[in-house]
Amino acid sequence: MDLDFVCTHAGRPAAALTRRDVARALLAVPSGVALVALPDLRRALMAVGNPLSLAFWESARSTLGSIESGVATVGDVQRWVESTGTEPMLMTPGYFVWPEEDERGPVAEEMFSLLVAYLEQRVEEGEVDPDALATGDQAARRTYEELQERWLSAPLPDGRVPGFAVSDEQDEELFAAWDEEEAFALSELRRIIGELPKPPQLPVDELRRAGTRLRELLGLPGYPANVLRACAGFDDREMPGDDMDLWLAVAAGIAGPISDLSEVEDTPEAFTDLDGDLSHEDTVLANLCAIQHADWLAAVAALTRLGPGVLASPERLARLIAESEDIDIDDQDADDLSATESLFVPVVGLWGYLGIVSTEEVLTPLGWWGLPKALERAWSPAD
């Protein structure tokens, strides 16, 4: 490692190298190599008129020594790079978090580079003191934090707000990945159903009775009606008049909740203990939202193949998912099975209200017919 390596790594001439450039180059090689190269690198920078500072070189030696001895944490190293004065904080006091370097999209890359350039200007103008940062000066650290918070929340000349622009890009990437996963799960579900030797038949009388019970239930206050309405999105739209459409909408909503609980049903008592636990309803919705597409696919595919009369308890569903050949899954230990089982406890409870399972948690003919259709509806793109 030499000065040419640092210049190539940073993409700058030696005279323009910053503390951040040198720190990142030092971290790009084994710590032992960097420690050996440190004295020659310092002399080479002094020779080109860019000596940096004693505080920087001492902090570099200390950090690299800690890395070499195995006592430095990831946080220690990150804070050292930030102390160069031009490395954006990975997480700001306002809880803005930059994506990892290899996970940044074009917008995040652009905003990160703009912030680096902004901080370089602040160093040049004396607003940021890298030597004070390197020695752990708390006032300098607060100034550094505040500068970045303000920059992230202030509009750029083109009107974009950096923090929002990065968050929006991350959301778009997350939604795209979610849509891709959902589309794949839907195609697999349709393949599995298409391979069944005998497709489930609609139990007309069961559906009619279930529809009648469901309409009565949805008109009641409290649990489970409020959760079922939220799952189906009925707080924002009218319930369909057709029993099949109603039943499928609610069953699909359990696999993919459409909305949160209505604020109309919130009571003043719900807000008196801000540090209290989530309500039962919120916990149920959180569990439903935490179940992965793969787990839904494995569970419903297994129940559909086995047919009515099979036990569909949470414990059995967790086992079916763990043993499924429809999804890629690593060997699960008892804790994994227990976690999956706990997520499906509210699912099976809600299924009981729809007649998908009996009071003994056994799959009914209605559940056999309706579960794959409900899952297909939950995963199909909205019109």
Protein backbone atom coordinates (compact mmCIF):
# COMPACT_ATOMS: atom_id res chain seq x y z
CA MET A 1 0.00 0.00 0.00
CA ASP A 2 1.39 3.42 -0.98
CA LEU A 3 0.26 6.90 -1.96
CA ASP A 4 -0.56 5.81 -5.51
CA PHE A 5 -2.92 3.19 -4.08
CA VAL A 6 -4.70 5.82 -1.96
CA CYS A 7 -5.04 8.18 -4.93
CA THR A 8 -6.45 5.42 -7.13
CA HIS A 9 -8.84 4.29 -4.39
CA ALA A 10 -10.08 7.84 -3.81
CA GLY A 11 -10.00 8.99 -7.44
CA ARG A 12 -8.11 12.18 -6.50
CA PRO A 13 -4.57 13.53 -6.77
CA ALA A 14 -2.42 13.39 -3.66
CA ALA A 15 -2.66 17.10 -2.95
CA ALA A 16 -6.48 16.89 -2.84
CA LEU A 17 -6.82 13.83 -0.60
CA THR A 18 -8.95 14.25 2.51
CA ARG A 19 -8.78 12.45 5.84
CA ARG A 20 -11.77 10.42 4.74
CA ASP A 21 -10.00 9.36 1.52
CA VAL A 22 -6.99 8.14 3.46
CA ALA A 23 -9.07 6.43 6.15
CA ARG A 24 -11.15 4.51 3.61
CA ALA A 25 -8.01 3.43 1.74
CA LEU A 26 -6.41 2.22 4.98
CA LEU A 27 -9.51 0.16 5.73
CA ALA A 28 -9.47 -1.34 2.22
CA VAL A 29 -6.39 -3.43 3.04
CA PRO A 30 -5.57 -5.76 5.96
CA SER A 31 -4.97 -3.79 9.14
CA GLY A 32 -1.42 -5.13 9.49
CA VAL A 33 -0.55 -3.94 5.99
CA ALA A 34 -2.08 -0.54 6.72
CA LEU A 35 -0.13 -0.17 9.97
CA VAL A 36 3.16 -0.94 8.25
CA ALA A 37 2.38 1.53 5.45
CA LEU A 38 1.30 4.34 7.77
CA PRO A 39 4.69 6.09 8.31
CA ASP A 40 5.65 6.08 4.63
CA LEU A 41 2.18 7.26 3.64
CA ARG A 42 2.38 10.14 6.09
CA ARG A 43 5.80 11.20 4.76
CA ALA A 44 4.60 10.99 1.16
CA LEU A 45 1.63 13.27 1.89
CA MET A 46 3.87 15.75 3.69
CA ALA A 47 6.13 15.80 0.61
CA VAL A 48 3.22 16.88 -1.63
CA GLY A 49 2.07 19.56 0.80
CA ASN A 50 -0.92 17.67 2.21
CA PRO A 51 0.22 16.57 5.69
CA LEU A 52 -3.28 16.22 7.19
CA SER A 53 -2.78 16.46 10.98
CA LEU A 54 -1.14 14.77 13.94
CA ALA A 55 -4.54 14.04 15.50
CA PHE A 56 -5.60 12.15 12.37
CA TRP A 57 -2.46 10.03 12.18
CA GLU A 58 -2.64 9.17 15.86
CA SER A 59 -6.32 8.20 15.54
CA ALA A 60 -5.48 6.09 12.48
CA ARG A 61 -2.72 4.25 14.32
CA SER A 62 -4.96 3.66 17.34
CA THR A 63 -7.90 2.40 15.30
CA LEU A 64 -5.83 0.15 13.05
CA GLY A 65 -4.07 -1.22 16.11
CA SER A 66 -7.42 -2.05 17.71
CA ILE A 67 -8.56 -3.76 14.53
CA GLU A 68 -5.33 -5.77 14.33
CA SER A 69 -5.65 -6.89 17.96
CA GLY A 70 -9.30 -7.82 17.46
CA VAL A 71 -10.82 -5.45 20.01
CA ALA A 72 -12.33 -2.84 17.65
CA THR A 73 -16.06 -3.07 16.99
CA VAL A 74 -17.80 -2.16 13.77
CA GLY A 75 -19.17 0.89 15.57
CA ASP A 76 -15.69 1.94 16.65
CA VAL A 77 -14.43 1.82 13.08
CA GLN A 78 -17.49 3.64 11.72
CA ARG A 79 -17.13 6.40 14.30
CA TRP A 80 -13.45 6.78 13.41
CA VAL A 81 -14.25 7.24 9.73
CA GLU A 82 -16.95 9.74 10.68
CA SER A 83 -14.39 11.64 12.75
CA THR A 84 -12.58 12.52 9.52
CA GLY A 85 -15.18 15.26 9.20
CA THR A 86 -16.46 14.37 5.74
CA GLU A 87 -17.95 10.89 6.23
CA PRO A 88 -21.74 11.07 6.62
CA MET A 89 -23.03 9.51 9.80
CA LEU A 90 -24.50 6.08 9.15
CA MET A 91 -27.37 6.93 11.50
CA THR A 92 -28.21 10.46 12.54
CA PRO A 93 -29.69 11.44 15.92
CA GLY A 94 -32.99 11.89 14.06
CA TYR A 95 -32.81 8.19 13.08
CA PHE A 96 -32.16 8.69 9.41
CA VAL A 97 -30.15 5.64 8.32
CA TRP A 98 -28.09 5.51 5.15
CA PRO A 99 -28.29 2.22 3.23
CA GLU A 100 -25.15 0.11 3.31
CA GLU A 101 -22.71 1.10 0.58
CA ASP A 102 -23.39 -1.97 -1.57
CA GLU A 103 -27.15 -1.52 -1.21
CA ARG A 104 -27.50 2.13 -2.24
CA GLY A 105 -29.56 2.94 -5.28
CA PRO A 106 -28.73 5.75 -7.70
CA VAL A 107 -30.53 8.38 -5.63
CA ALA A 108 -28.86 7.33 -2.39
CA GLU A 109 -25.47 7.29 -4.11
CA GLU A 110 -26.08 10.80 -5.47
CA MET A 111 -27.25 12.21 -2.14
CA PHE A 112 -24.41 10.58 -0.25
CA SER A 113 -21.86 12.10 -2.63
CA LEU A 114 -23.53 15.50 -2.37
CA LEU A 115 -23.36 15.34 1.42
CA VAL A 116 -19.68 14.37 1.31
CA ALA A 117 -19.02 17.40 -0.90
CA TYR A 118 -21.06 19.61 1.45
CA LEU A 119 -19.08 18.41 4.47
CA GLU A 120 -15.80 19.02 2.64
CA GLN A 121 -16.88 22.62 2.17
CA ARG A 122 -17.74 22.88 5.87
CA VAL A 123 -14.27 21.60 6.77
CA GLU A 124 -12.63 24.12 4.44
CA GLU A 125 -14.67 26.95 5.97
CA GLY A 126 -13.90 25.84 9.52
CA GLU A 127 -17.44 24.86 10.54
CA VAL A 128 -16.33 21.25 11.05
CA ASP A 129 -13.16 20.55 13.04
CA PRO A 130 -11.86 17.06 12.17
CA ASP A 131 -9.11 17.21 14.80
CA ALA A 132 -11.69 17.89 17.51
CA LEU A 133 -13.80 15.01 16.19
CA ALA A 134 -10.78 12.72 16.21
CA THR A 135 -10.10 13.48 19.86
CA GLY A 136 -13.73 12.85 20.86
CA ASP A 137 -14.83 16.45 21.46
CA GLN A 138 -18.57 16.24 22.19
CA ALA A 139 -19.35 19.81 21.10
CA ALA A 140 -17.67 19.18 17.75
CA ARG A 141 -19.65 15.97 17.40
CA ARG A 142 -22.95 17.76 18.06
CA THR A 143 -22.09 20.40 15.47
CA TYR A 144 -21.28 17.65 12.99
CA GLU A 145 -24.60 15.93 13.71
CA GLU A 146 -26.64 19.11 13.42
CA LEU A 147 -25.07 20.07 10.08
CA GLN A 148 -26.06 16.74 8.60
CA GLU A 149 -29.57 16.79 10.06
CA ARG A 150 -30.17 20.23 8.55
CA TRP A 151 -28.75 19.22 5.17
CA LEU A 152 -30.90 16.09 4.99
CA SER A 153 -34.09 18.07 5.69
CA ALA A 154 -33.38 21.15 3.52
CA PRO A 155 -34.48 21.30 -0.13
CA LEU A 156 -31.78 21.14 -2.80
CA PRO A 157 -31.83 23.65 -5.68
CA ASP A 158 -33.94 21.19 -7.70
CA GLY A 159 -36.50 20.98 -4.90
CA ARG A 160 -35.67 17.49 -3.67
CA VAL A 161 -35.21 16.98 0.06
CA PRO A 162 -32.29 14.56 0.46
CA GLY A 163 -33.64 12.55 3.39
CA PHE A 164 -37.02 12.08 1.74
CA ALA A 165 -35.48 11.31 -1.64
CA VAL A 166 -33.39 8.49 -0.18
CA SER A 167 -36.31 7.12 1.85
CA ASP A 168 -38.61 7.22 -1.18
CA GLU A 169 -36.09 5.28 -3.24
CA GLN A 170 -35.77 2.66 -0.49
CA ASP A 171 -39.55 2.36 -0.31
CA GLU A 172 -39.77 1.88 -4.07
CA GLU A 173 -37.11 -0.82 -3.93
CA LEU A 174 -38.90 -2.52 -1.05
CA PHE A 175 -42.26 -2.43 -2.83
CA ALA A 176 -40.69 -3.74 -6.04
CA ALA A 177 -39.09 -6.64 -4.17
CA TRP A 178 -42.38 -7.32 -2.40
CA ASP A 179 -44.31 -7.32 -5.68
CA GLU A 180 -41.77 -9.66 -7.25
CA GLU A 181 -41.98 -12.06 -4.32
CA GLU A 182 -45.77 -11.92 -4.39
CA ALA A 183 -45.91 -12.57 -8.13
CA PHE A 184 -43.64 -15.60 -7.76
CA ALA A 185 -45.71 -16.95 -4.86
CA LEU A 186 -48.89 -16.50 -6.92
CA SER A 187 -47.44 -18.39 -9.87
CA GLU A 188 -46.36 -21.22 -7.57
CA LEU A 189 -49.80 -21.35 -5.97
CA ARG A 190 -51.49 -21.60 -9.35
CA ARG A 191 -49.06 -24.33 -10.41
CA ILE A 192 -49.76 -26.35 -7.27
CA ILE A 193 -53.53 -26.01 -7.59
CA GLY A 194 -53.33 -26.90 -11.28
CA GLU A 195 -51.56 -30.16 -10.46
CA LEU A 196 -54.24 -31.38 -8.04
CA PRO A 197 -55.94 -34.56 -9.28
CA LYS A 198 -59.26 -33.33 -7.93
CA PRO A 199 -59.82 -29.59 -7.47
CA PRO A 200 -61.90 -28.52 -4.45
CA GLN A 201 -65.58 -28.03 -5.14
CA LEU A 202 -67.65 -25.14 -3.81
CA PRO A 203 -69.79 -26.24 -0.81
CA VAL A 204 -72.73 -23.97 -1.58
CA ASP A 205 -74.69 -24.49 1.64
CA GLU A 206 -71.62 -24.02 3.84
CA LEU A 207 -70.73 -20.81 2.05
CA ARG A 208 -74.26 -19.44 2.47
CA ARG A 209 -74.28 -20.19 6.19
CA ALA A 210 -70.78 -18.77 6.62
CA GLY A 211 -71.81 -15.63 4.73
CA THR A 212 -74.79 -15.08 7.01
CA ARG A 213 -72.70 -15.54 10.14
CA LEU A 214 -69.97 -13.29 8.78
CA ARG A 215 -72.36 -10.41 8.02
CA GLU A 216 -73.71 -10.56 11.55
CA LEU A 217 -70.22 -10.70 13.01
CA LEU A 218 -68.87 -7.79 10.96
CA GLY A 219 -71.64 -5.56 12.28
CA LEU A 220 -70.49 -5.99 15.88
CA PRO A 221 -68.03 -3.79 17.77
CA GLY A 222 -64.71 -5.02 19.13
CA TYR A 223 -62.69 -8.12 18.36
CA PRO A 224 -62.73 -10.04 16.04
CA ALA A 225 -65.04 -7.91 13.90
CA ASN A 226 -62.77 -4.85 13.95
CA VAL A 227 -59.76 -6.88 12.85
CA LEU A 228 -61.68 -8.69 10.11
CA ARG A 229 -63.03 -5.37 8.80
CA ALA A 230 -59.53 -3.92 8.76
CA CYS A 231 -58.15 -7.00 6.99
CA ALA A 232 -60.75 -6.73 4.25
CA GLY A 233 -60.62 -2.93 4.07
CA PHE A 234 -64.31 -2.59 4.93
CA ASP A 235 -63.72 0.48 7.07
CA ASP A 236 -63.12 2.42 3.85
CA ARG A 237 -65.60 0.72 1.51
CA GLU A 238 -68.94 -1.04 1.60
CA MET A 239 -69.20 -4.75 2.12
CA PRO A 240 -70.14 -6.66 -1.04
CA GLY A 241 -73.65 -8.03 -1.26
CA ASP A 242 -72.60 -11.40 -2.66
CA ASP A 243 -71.71 -14.03 -0.05
CA MET A 244 -68.82 -15.47 -2.05
CA ASP A 245 -67.27 -12.06 -2.69
CA LEU A 246 -67.69 -11.10 0.97
CA TRP A 247 -66.20 -14.34 2.29
CA LEU A 248 -63.24 -14.30 -0.10
CA ALA A 249 -62.53 -10.64 0.65
CA VAL A 250 -62.26 -11.34 4.38
CA ALA A 251 -60.32 -14.60 3.94
CA ALA A 252 -57.90 -12.87 1.54
CA GLY A 253 -57.53 -9.98 3.99
CA ILE A 254 -56.28 -12.34 6.68
CA ALA A 255 -53.42 -13.32 4.35
CA GLY A 256 -52.85 -9.71 3.28
CA PRO A 257 -54.42 -7.08 5.56
CA ILE A 258 -55.54 -4.03 3.60
CA SER A 259 -55.74 -1.42 6.38
CA ASP A 260 -55.11 -0.70 10.03
CA LEU A 261 -57.72 -0.56 12.74
CA SER A 262 -60.20 2.25 12.38
CA GLU A 263 -59.42 5.24 14.60
CA VAL A 264 -63.14 5.55 15.31
CA GLU A 265 -62.90 2.54 17.58
CA ASP A 266 -59.94 3.88 19.53
CA THR A 267 -60.89 4.87 23.04
CA PRO A 268 -59.24 7.49 25.27
CA GLU A 269 -58.15 4.67 27.56
CA ALA A 270 -56.04 3.25 24.73
CA PHE A 271 -53.76 6.28 24.92
CA THR A 272 -53.43 6.71 28.66
CA ASP A 273 -50.47 4.32 28.90
CA LEU A 274 -48.08 5.21 26.10
CA ASP A 275 -45.53 2.72 27.41
CA GLY A 276 -48.04 -0.11 27.64
CA ASP A 277 -48.25 -3.19 25.48
CA LEU A 278 -49.98 -3.28 22.11
CA SER A 279 -53.68 -4.03 22.17
CA HIS A 280 -54.78 -7.54 21.29
CA GLU A 281 -56.11 -6.32 17.95
CA ASP A 282 -52.85 -4.57 17.03
CA THR A 283 -50.88 -7.66 18.02
CA VAL A 284 -53.06 -9.84 15.81
CA LEU A 285 -52.61 -7.52 12.82
CA ALA A 286 -48.86 -7.35 13.43
CA ASN A 287 -48.67 -11.15 13.42
CA LEU A 288 -50.65 -11.37 10.18
CA CYS A 289 -48.37 -8.85 8.49
CA ALA A 290 -45.25 -10.68 9.72
CA ILE A 291 -46.07 -13.95 7.94
CA GLN A 292 -43.97 -14.36 4.79
CA HIS A 293 -45.35 -15.26 1.36
CA ALA A 294 -43.42 -18.53 1.47
CA ASP A 295 -45.04 -19.58 4.74
CA TRP A 296 -48.54 -18.81 3.45
CA LEU A 297 -47.78 -20.74 0.27
CA ALA A 298 -46.41 -23.76 2.11
CA ALA A 299 -49.29 -23.87 4.60
CA VAL A 300 -52.13 -23.45 2.11
CA ALA A 301 -50.53 -25.78 -0.46
CA ALA A 302 -50.20 -28.52 2.16
CA LEU A 303 -53.76 -28.11 3.41
CA THR A 304 -55.11 -28.09 -0.13
CA ARG A 305 -53.28 -31.30 -1.01
CA LEU A 306 -54.34 -33.04 2.21
CA GLY A 307 -57.97 -31.99 1.91
CA PRO A 308 -60.81 -31.53 4.41
CA GLY A 309 -60.51 -33.33 7.71
CA VAL A 310 -56.80 -32.60 8.20
CA LEU A 311 -55.72 -30.96 11.43
CA ALA A 312 -54.94 -27.27 10.82
CA SER A 313 -53.80 -26.18 14.27
CA PRO A 314 -51.00 -23.61 14.57
CA GLU A 315 -48.60 -26.33 15.68
CA ARG A 316 -49.50 -28.52 12.70
CA LEU A 317 -49.18 -25.61 10.27
CA ALA A 318 -45.71 -24.79 11.60
CA ARG A 319 -44.70 -28.40 11.03
CA LEU A 320 -46.19 -28.46 7.52
CA ILE A 321 -44.26 -25.30 6.63
CA ALA A 322 -41.00 -26.70 8.01
CA GLU A 323 -41.45 -29.93 6.01
CA SER A 324 -42.70 -28.27 2.82
CA GLU A 325 -41.03 -29.05 -0.49
CA ASP A 326 -42.74 -26.08 -2.14
CA ILE A 327 -40.38 -23.52 -0.61
CA ASP A 328 -36.68 -23.26 0.09
CA ILE A 329 -36.17 -23.40 3.81
CA ASP A 330 -33.22 -24.16 6.05
CA ASP A 331 -33.44 -26.71 8.81
CA GLN A 332 -35.55 -25.23 11.56
CA ASP A 333 -34.93 -25.68 15.26
CA ALA A 334 -37.51 -25.66 18.03
CA ASP A 335 -37.36 -21.87 18.33
CA ASP A 336 -38.13 -21.42 14.61
CA LEU A 337 -41.09 -23.78 14.83
CA SER A 338 -42.34 -22.03 17.94
CA ALA A 339 -42.08 -18.62 16.25
CA THR A 340 -44.01 -19.83 13.19
CA GLU A 341 -46.62 -21.45 15.40
CA SER A 342 -47.14 -18.24 17.36
CA LEU A 343 -47.68 -16.25 14.16
CA PHE A 344 -50.39 -18.66 13.03
CA VAL A 345 -52.26 -18.71 16.34
CA PRO A 346 -54.39 -15.65 15.41
CA VAL A 347 -54.73 -16.95 11.84
CA VAL A 348 -56.37 -20.18 12.93
CA GLY A 349 -58.52 -18.27 15.40
CA LEU A 350 -59.81 -15.96 12.66
CA TRP A 351 -60.26 -18.88 10.27
CA GLY A 352 -62.65 -20.35 12.81
CA TYR A 353 -65.00 -17.37 12.46
CA LEU A 354 -65.11 -17.91 8.69
CA GLY A 355 -65.71 -21.64 8.91
CA ILE A 356 -62.34 -22.44 7.34
CA VAL A 357 -61.57 -24.66 10.31
CA SER A 358 -63.90 -26.32 12.77
CA THR A 359 -63.94 -25.77 16.51
CA GLU A 360 -61.44 -28.67 16.69
CA GLU A 361 -59.15 -26.78 14.26
CA VAL A 362 -59.81 -29.24 11.46
CA LEU A 363 -59.94 -28.03 7.83
CA THR A 364 -63.54 -27.90 6.55
CA PRO A 365 -64.75 -28.44 2.96
CA LEU A 366 -65.31 -24.67 2.81
CA GLY A 367 -61.74 -24.02 3.91
CA TRP A 368 -60.43 -26.59 1.42
CA TRP A 369 -62.27 -24.82 -1.41
CA GLY A 370 -61.72 -21.26 -0.26
CA LEU A 371 -58.18 -21.01 1.08
CA PRO A 372 -56.36 -21.27 -2.27
CA LYS A 373 -58.87 -18.88 -3.87
CA ALA A 374 -58.46 -16.39 -1.02
CA LEU A 375 -54.68 -16.56 -1.25
CA GLU A 376 -54.85 -16.04 -5.03
CA ARG A 377 -57.06 -13.03 -4.48
CA ALA A 378 -54.70 -11.58 -1.83
CA TRP A 379 -51.72 -11.87 -4.17
CA SER A 380 -53.35 -10.79 -7.41
CA PRO A 381 -52.59 -7.21 -8.53
CA ALA A 382 -55.34 -4.74 -7.73
CA ASP A 383 -57.41 -3.61 -10.70
